[in-house]
Structure formats: C-alpha cells, structure tokens
Amino acid sequence: ILFIIRNYSEDKKFLTNIFLIALL
C-alpha cells in the first residue's frame, strides 16, 4: 500500500501520513 502511495500519487507525504494515522 505504501509502495503504491509513494509511486502513484502527487501527495506522497500527505497520503503516507493519513494512512499511518488511520492505521494507528
């Protein structure tokens, strides 16, 4: 999931943060 976010999104930092926050 993080690989897809990092490679297929303009907002990599935002989406990484939002995924990890949602997961926690």
PDB file of all heavy atoms in Angstrom:
ATOM      1  N   ILE A   1       0.838  -1.197   0.000  1.00  0.00           N
ATOM      2  CA  ILE A   1       0.000   0.000   0.000  1.00  0.00           C
ATOM      3  C   ILE A   1       0.875   1.251   0.000  1.00  0.00           C
ATOM      4  O   ILE A   1       0.651   2.195  -0.775  1.00  0.00           O
ATOM      5  CB  ILE A   1      -0.939  -0.004   1.220  1.00  0.00           C
ATOM      6  CG1 ILE A   1      -1.896  -1.193   1.133  1.00  0.00           C
ATOM      7  CG2 ILE A   1      -1.713   1.305   1.328  1.00  0.00           C
ATOM      8  CD1 ILE A   1      -2.722  -1.414   2.389  1.00  0.00           C
ATOM      9  N   LEU A   2       1.906   1.258   0.842  1.00  0.00           N
ATOM     10  CA  LEU A   2       2.829   2.394   0.882  1.00  0.00           C
ATOM     11  C   LEU A   2       3.599   2.533  -0.429  1.00  0.00           C
ATOM     12  O   LEU A   2       3.873   3.649  -0.882  1.00  0.00           O
ATOM     13  CB  LEU A   2       3.792   2.234   2.058  1.00  0.00           C
ATOM     14  CG  LEU A   2       3.164   2.384   3.448  1.00  0.00           C
ATOM     15  CD1 LEU A   2       4.159   1.995   4.533  1.00  0.00           C
ATOM     16  CD2 LEU A   2       2.676   3.816   3.668  1.00  0.00           C
ATOM     17  N   PHE A   3       3.931   1.410  -1.052  1.00  0.00           N
ATOM     18  CA  PHE A   3       4.618   1.451  -2.351  1.00  0.00           C
ATOM     19  C   PHE A   3       3.741   2.136  -3.399  1.00  0.00           C
ATOM     20  O   PHE A   3       4.233   2.973  -4.178  1.00  0.00           O
ATOM     21  CB  PHE A   3       4.972   0.028  -2.798  1.00  0.00           C
ATOM     22  CG  PHE A   3       5.585  -0.029  -4.171  1.00  0.00           C
ATOM     23  CD1 PHE A   3       6.939   0.219  -4.348  1.00  0.00           C
ATOM     24  CD2 PHE A   3       4.803  -0.318  -5.283  1.00  0.00           C
ATOM     25  CE1 PHE A   3       7.508   0.175  -5.619  1.00  0.00           C
ATOM     26  CE2 PHE A   3       5.349  -0.365  -6.550  1.00  0.00           C
ATOM     27  CZ  PHE A   3       6.714  -0.121  -6.724  1.00  0.00           C
ATOM     28  N   ILE A   4       2.461   1.802  -3.428  1.00  0.00           N
ATOM     29  CA  ILE A   4       1.534   2.425  -4.385  1.00  0.00           C
ATOM     30  C   ILE A   4       1.413   3.922  -4.098  1.00  0.00           C
ATOM     31  O   ILE A   4       1.444   4.753  -5.023  1.00  0.00           O
ATOM     32  CB  ILE A   4       0.159   1.738  -4.312  1.00  0.00           C
ATOM     33  CG1 ILE A   4       0.263   0.304  -4.816  1.00  0.00           C
ATOM     34  CG2 ILE A   4      -0.882   2.511  -5.124  1.00  0.00           C
ATOM     35  CD1 ILE A   4      -0.991  -0.526  -4.583  1.00  0.00           C
ATOM     36  N   ILE A   5       1.294   4.275  -2.822  1.00  0.00           N
ATOM     37  CA  ILE A   5       1.181   5.688  -2.457  1.00  0.00           C
ATOM     38  C   ILE A   5       2.432   6.452  -2.885  1.00  0.00           C
ATOM     39  O   ILE A   5       2.346   7.553  -3.446  1.00  0.00           O
ATOM     40  CB  ILE A   5       0.966   5.827  -0.939  1.00  0.00           C
ATOM     41  CG1 ILE A   5      -0.440   5.341  -0.553  1.00  0.00           C
ATOM     42  CG2 ILE A   5       1.161   7.272  -0.486  1.00  0.00           C
ATOM     43  CD1 ILE A   5      -0.692   5.274   0.931  1.00  0.00           C
ATOM     44  N   ARG A   6       3.595   5.874  -2.654  1.00  0.00           N
ATOM     45  CA  ARG A   6       4.854   6.569  -2.947  1.00  0.00           C
ATOM     46  C   ARG A   6       5.130   6.689  -4.440  1.00  0.00           C
ATOM     47  O   ARG A   6       5.859   7.586  -4.861  1.00  0.00           O
ATOM     48  CB  ARG A   6       6.025   5.834  -2.277  1.00  0.00           C
ATOM     49  CG  ARG A   6       5.915   5.650  -0.790  1.00  0.00           C
ATOM     50  CD  ARG A   6       5.890   6.969  -0.051  1.00  0.00           C
ATOM     51  NE  ARG A   6       7.114   7.722  -0.207  1.00  0.00           N
ATOM     52  CZ  ARG A   6       7.310   8.942   0.280  1.00  0.00           C
ATOM     53  NH1 ARG A   6       6.319   9.553   0.918  1.00  0.00           N
ATOM     54  NH2 ARG A   6       8.457   9.555   0.118  1.00  0.00           N
ATOM     55  N   ASN A   7       4.555   5.809  -5.241  1.00  0.00           N
ATOM     56  CA  ASN A   7       4.890   5.784  -6.659  1.00  0.00           C
ATOM     57  C   ASN A   7       3.779   6.270  -7.587  1.00  0.00           C
ATOM     58  O   ASN A   7       4.039   6.513  -8.769  1.00  0.00           O
ATOM     59  CB  ASN A   7       5.298   4.375  -7.082  1.00  0.00           C
ATOM     60  CG  ASN A   7       6.650   3.968  -6.524  1.00  0.00           C
ATOM     61  OD1 ASN A   7       7.691   4.277  -7.085  1.00  0.00           O
ATOM     62  ND2 ASN A   7       6.642   3.279  -5.392  1.00  0.00           N
ATOM     63  N   TYR A   8       2.552   6.390  -7.083  1.00  0.00           N
ATOM     64  CA  TYR A   8       1.429   6.740  -7.956  1.00  0.00           C
ATOM     65  C   TYR A   8       0.612   7.907  -7.427  1.00  0.00           C
ATOM     66  O   TYR A   8      -0.569   8.022  -7.735  1.00  0.00           O
ATOM     67  CB  TYR A   8       0.516   5.522  -8.169  1.00  0.00           C
ATOM     68  CG  TYR A   8       1.213   4.381  -8.859  1.00  0.00           C
ATOM     69  CD1 TYR A   8       1.762   3.324  -8.130  1.00  0.00           C
ATOM     70  CD2 TYR A   8       1.350   4.356 -10.252  1.00  0.00           C
ATOM     71  CE1 TYR A   8       2.418   2.274  -8.764  1.00  0.00           C
ATOM     72  CE2 TYR A   8       2.004   3.317 -10.886  1.00  0.00           C
ATOM     73  CZ  TYR A   8       2.528   2.281 -10.137  1.00  0.00           C
ATOM     74  OH  TYR A   8       3.187   1.246 -10.763  1.00  0.00           O
ATOM     75  N   SER A   9       1.229   8.767  -6.641  1.00  0.00           N
ATOM     76  CA  SER A   9       0.488   9.900  -6.097  1.00  0.00           C
ATOM     77  C   SER A   9       1.365  11.143  -6.048  1.00  0.00           C
ATOM     78  O   SER A   9       2.580  11.061  -5.802  1.00  0.00           O
ATOM     79  CB  SER A   9      -0.015   9.573  -4.686  1.00  0.00           C
ATOM     80  OG  SER A   9      -0.547  10.716  -4.065  1.00  0.00           O
ATOM     81  N   GLU A  10       0.743  12.303  -6.277  1.00  0.00           N
ATOM     82  CA  GLU A  10       1.451  13.571  -6.150  1.00  0.00           C
ATOM     83  C   GLU A  10       1.641  13.944  -4.681  1.00  0.00           C
ATOM     84  O   GLU A  10       2.656  14.522  -4.315  1.00  0.00           O
ATOM     85  CB  GLU A  10       0.663  14.676  -6.868  1.00  0.00           C
ATOM     86  CG  GLU A  10       0.459  14.426  -8.356  1.00  0.00           C
ATOM     87  CD  GLU A  10      -0.471  15.448  -8.980  1.00  0.00           C
ATOM     88  OE1 GLU A  10      -0.896  16.377  -8.257  1.00  0.00           O
ATOM     89  OE2 GLU A  10      -0.769  15.323 -10.182  1.00  0.00           O
ATOM     90  N   ASP A  11       0.653  13.622  -3.849  1.00  0.00           N
ATOM     91  CA  ASP A  11       0.695  13.970  -2.424  1.00  0.00           C
ATOM     92  C   ASP A  11       1.231  12.804  -1.599  1.00  0.00           C
ATOM     93  O   ASP A  11       0.535  12.260  -0.729  1.00  0.00           O
ATOM     94  CB  ASP A  11      -0.698  14.373  -1.946  1.00  0.00           C
ATOM     95  CG  ASP A  11      -1.130  15.703  -2.509  1.00  0.00           C
ATOM     96  OD1 ASP A  11      -0.338  16.654  -2.436  1.00  0.00           O
ATOM     97  OD2 ASP A  11      -2.250  15.786  -3.041  1.00  0.00           O
ATOM     98  N   LYS A  12       2.456  12.402  -1.863  1.00  0.00           N
ATOM     99  CA  LYS A  12       3.031  11.227  -1.200  1.00  0.00           C
ATOM    100  C   LYS A  12       3.093  11.413   0.316  1.00  0.00           C
ATOM    101  O   LYS A  12       2.730  10.520   1.078  1.00  0.00           O
ATOM    102  CB  LYS A  12       4.433  10.964  -1.743  1.00  0.00           C
ATOM    103  CG  LYS A  12       4.491  10.742  -3.245  1.00  0.00           C
ATOM    104  CD  LYS A  12       5.921  10.611  -3.715  1.00  0.00           C
ATOM    105  CE  LYS A  12       5.975  10.494  -5.235  1.00  0.00           C
ATOM    106  NZ  LYS A  12       7.366  10.408  -5.736  1.00  0.00           N
ATOM    107  N   LYS A  13       3.573  12.568   0.744  1.00  0.00           N
ATOM    108  CA  LYS A  13       3.755  12.800   2.175  1.00  0.00           C
ATOM    109  C   LYS A  13       2.416  12.800   2.901  1.00  0.00           C
ATOM    110  O   LYS A  13       2.265  12.152   3.941  1.00  0.00           O
ATOM    111  CB  LYS A  13       4.470  14.130   2.397  1.00  0.00           C
ATOM    112  CG  LYS A  13       4.789  14.424   3.853  1.00  0.00           C
ATOM    113  CD  LYS A  13       5.579  15.705   3.994  1.00  0.00           C
ATOM    114  CE  LYS A  13       5.906  15.980   5.462  1.00  0.00           C
ATOM    115  NZ  LYS A  13       6.679  17.240   5.624  1.00  0.00           N
ATOM    116  N   PHE A  14       1.439  13.514   2.347  1.00  0.00           N
ATOM    117  CA  PHE A  14       0.114  13.584   2.979  1.00  0.00           C
ATOM    118  C   PHE A  14      -0.516  12.205   3.076  1.00  0.00           C
ATOM    119  O   PHE A  14      -1.025  11.811   4.137  1.00  0.00           O
ATOM    120  CB  PHE A  14      -0.795  14.532   2.188  1.00  0.00           C
ATOM    121  CG  PHE A  14      -2.238  14.448   2.599  1.00  0.00           C
ATOM    122  CD1 PHE A  14      -2.678  15.083   3.754  1.00  0.00           C
ATOM    123  CD2 PHE A  14      -3.155  13.711   1.849  1.00  0.00           C
ATOM    124  CE1 PHE A  14      -4.001  14.995   4.149  1.00  0.00           C
ATOM    125  CE2 PHE A  14      -4.482  13.620   2.239  1.00  0.00           C
ATOM    126  CZ  PHE A  14      -4.902  14.262   3.400  1.00  0.00           C
ATOM    127  N   LEU A  15      -0.503  11.454   1.980  1.00  0.00           N
ATOM    128  CA  LEU A  15      -1.173  10.151   1.962  1.00  0.00           C
ATOM    129  C   LEU A  15      -0.452   9.134   2.842  1.00  0.00           C
ATOM    130  O   LEU A  15      -1.096   8.274   3.449  1.00  0.00           O
ATOM    131  CB  LEU A  15      -1.280   9.637   0.528  1.00  0.00           C
ATOM    132  CG  LEU A  15      -2.276  10.390  -0.357  1.00  0.00           C
ATOM    133  CD1 LEU A  15      -2.274   9.831  -1.769  1.00  0.00           C
ATOM    134  CD2 LEU A  15      -3.678  10.325   0.229  1.00  0.00           C
ATOM    135  N   THR A  16       0.873   9.217   2.915  1.00  0.00           N
ATOM    136  CA  THR A  16       1.609   8.336   3.827  1.00  0.00           C
ATOM    137  C   THR A  16       1.204   8.616   5.265  1.00  0.00           C
ATOM    138  O   THR A  16       0.920   7.702   6.048  1.00  0.00           O
ATOM    139  CB  THR A  16       3.123   8.532   3.673  1.00  0.00           C
ATOM    140  OG1 THR A  16       3.508   8.229   2.326  1.00  0.00           O
ATOM    141  CG2 THR A  16       3.894   7.624   4.621  1.00  0.00           C
ATOM    142  N   ASN A  17       1.145   9.913   5.618  1.00  0.00           N
ATOM    143  CA  ASN A  17       0.744  10.294   6.968  1.00  0.00           C
ATOM    144  C   ASN A  17      -0.688   9.850   7.278  1.00  0.00           C
ATOM    145  O   ASN A  17      -0.964   9.295   8.343  1.00  0.00           O
ATOM    146  CB  ASN A  17       0.854  11.816   7.141  1.00  0.00           C
ATOM    147  CG  ASN A  17       2.289  12.277   7.290  1.00  0.00           C
ATOM    148  OD1 ASN A  17       3.155  11.511   7.692  1.00  0.00           O
ATOM    149  ND2 ASN A  17       2.552  13.521   6.948  1.00  0.00           N
ATOM    150  N   ILE A  18      -1.591  10.105   6.333  1.00  0.00           N
ATOM    151  CA  ILE A  18      -3.003   9.813   6.600  1.00  0.00           C
ATOM    152  C   ILE A  18      -3.226   8.309   6.711  1.00  0.00           C
ATOM    153  O   ILE A  18      -4.046   7.851   7.509  1.00  0.00           O
ATOM    154  CB  ILE A  18      -3.904  10.455   5.522  1.00  0.00           C
ATOM    155  CG1 ILE A  18      -5.291  10.757   6.101  1.00  0.00           C
ATOM    156  CG2 ILE A  18      -4.056   9.571   4.292  1.00  0.00           C
ATOM    157  CD1 ILE A  18      -5.306  11.826   7.147  1.00  0.00           C
ATOM    158  N   PHE A  19      -2.507   7.511   5.912  1.00  0.00           N
ATOM    159  CA  PHE A  19      -2.635   6.054   6.022  1.00  0.00           C
ATOM    160  C   PHE A  19      -2.117   5.571   7.369  1.00  0.00           C
ATOM    161  O   PHE A  19      -2.774   4.749   8.039  1.00  0.00           O
ATOM    162  CB  PHE A  19      -1.870   5.369   4.890  1.00  0.00           C
ATOM    163  CG  PHE A  19      -1.749   3.881   5.061  1.00  0.00           C
ATOM    164  CD1 PHE A  19      -2.851   3.056   4.944  1.00  0.00           C
ATOM    165  CD2 PHE A  19      -0.523   3.299   5.367  1.00  0.00           C
ATOM    166  CE1 PHE A  19      -2.748   1.685   5.116  1.00  0.00           C
ATOM    167  CE2 PHE A  19      -0.406   1.934   5.540  1.00  0.00           C
ATOM    168  CZ  PHE A  19      -1.522   1.127   5.419  1.00  0.00           C
ATOM    169  N   LEU A  20      -0.956   6.048   7.790  1.00  0.00           N
ATOM    170  CA  LEU A  20      -0.372   5.595   9.060  1.00  0.00           C
ATOM    171  C   LEU A  20      -1.216   6.048  10.252  1.00  0.00           C
ATOM    172  O   LEU A  20      -1.389   5.299  11.216  1.00  0.00           O
ATOM    173  CB  LEU A  20       1.062   6.106   9.186  1.00  0.00           C
ATOM    174  CG  LEU A  20       2.070   5.502   8.195  1.00  0.00           C
ATOM    175  CD1 LEU A  20       3.440   6.149   8.367  1.00  0.00           C
ATOM    176  CD2 LEU A  20       2.176   3.988   8.385  1.00  0.00           C
ATOM    177  N   ILE A  21      -1.743   7.280  10.191  1.00  0.00           N
ATOM    178  CA  ILE A  21      -2.603   7.764  11.273  1.00  0.00           C
ATOM    179  C   ILE A  21      -3.875   6.911  11.354  1.00  0.00           C
ATOM    180  O   ILE A  21      -4.314   6.508  12.438  1.00  0.00           O
ATOM    181  CB  ILE A  21      -2.947   9.250  11.058  1.00  0.00           C
ATOM    182  CG1 ILE A  21      -1.703  10.109  11.291  1.00  0.00           C
ATOM    183  CG2 ILE A  21      -4.081   9.689  11.989  1.00  0.00           C
ATOM    184  CD1 ILE A  21      -1.865  11.556  10.883  1.00  0.00           C
ATOM    185  N   ALA A  22      -4.488   6.647  10.183  1.00  0.00           N
ATOM    186  CA  ALA A  22      -5.688   5.810  10.157  1.00  0.00           C
ATOM    187  C   ALA A  22      -5.390   4.407  10.678  1.00  0.00           C
ATOM    188  O   ALA A  22      -6.196   3.821  11.417  1.00  0.00           O
ATOM    189  CB  ALA A  22      -6.233   5.732   8.729  1.00  0.00           C
ATOM    190  N   LEU A  23      -4.237   3.873  10.318  1.00  0.00           N
ATOM    191  CA  LEU A  23      -3.856   2.531  10.757  1.00  0.00           C
ATOM    192  C   LEU A  23      -3.634   2.490  12.269  1.00  0.00           C
ATOM    193  O   LEU A  23      -4.103   1.563  12.954  1.00  0.00           O
ATOM    194  CB  LEU A  23      -2.593   2.081  10.015  1.00  0.00           C
ATOM    195  CG  LEU A  23      -2.071   0.691  10.344  1.00  0.00           C
ATOM    196  CD1 LEU A  23      -3.124  -0.369  10.058  1.00  0.00           C
ATOM    197  CD2 LEU A  23      -0.796   0.391   9.535  1.00  0.00           C
ATOM    198  N   LEU A  24      -2.924   3.485  12.806  1.00  0.00           N
ATOM    199  CA  LEU A  24      -2.684   3.531  14.251  1.00  0.00           C
ATOM    200  C   LEU A  24      -3.994   3.639  15.024  1.00  0.00           C
ATOM    201  O   LEU A  24      -4.163   2.988  16.059  1.00  0.00           O
ATOM    202  CB  LEU A  24      -1.784   4.723  14.587  1.00  0.00           C
ATOM    203  CG  LEU A  24      -0.295   4.560  14.287  1.00  0.00           C
ATOM    204  CD1 LEU A  24       0.434   5.886  14.467  1.00  0.00           C
ATOM    205  CD2 LEU A  24       0.327   3.492  15.185  1.00  0.00           C
TER     206      LEU A  24
END
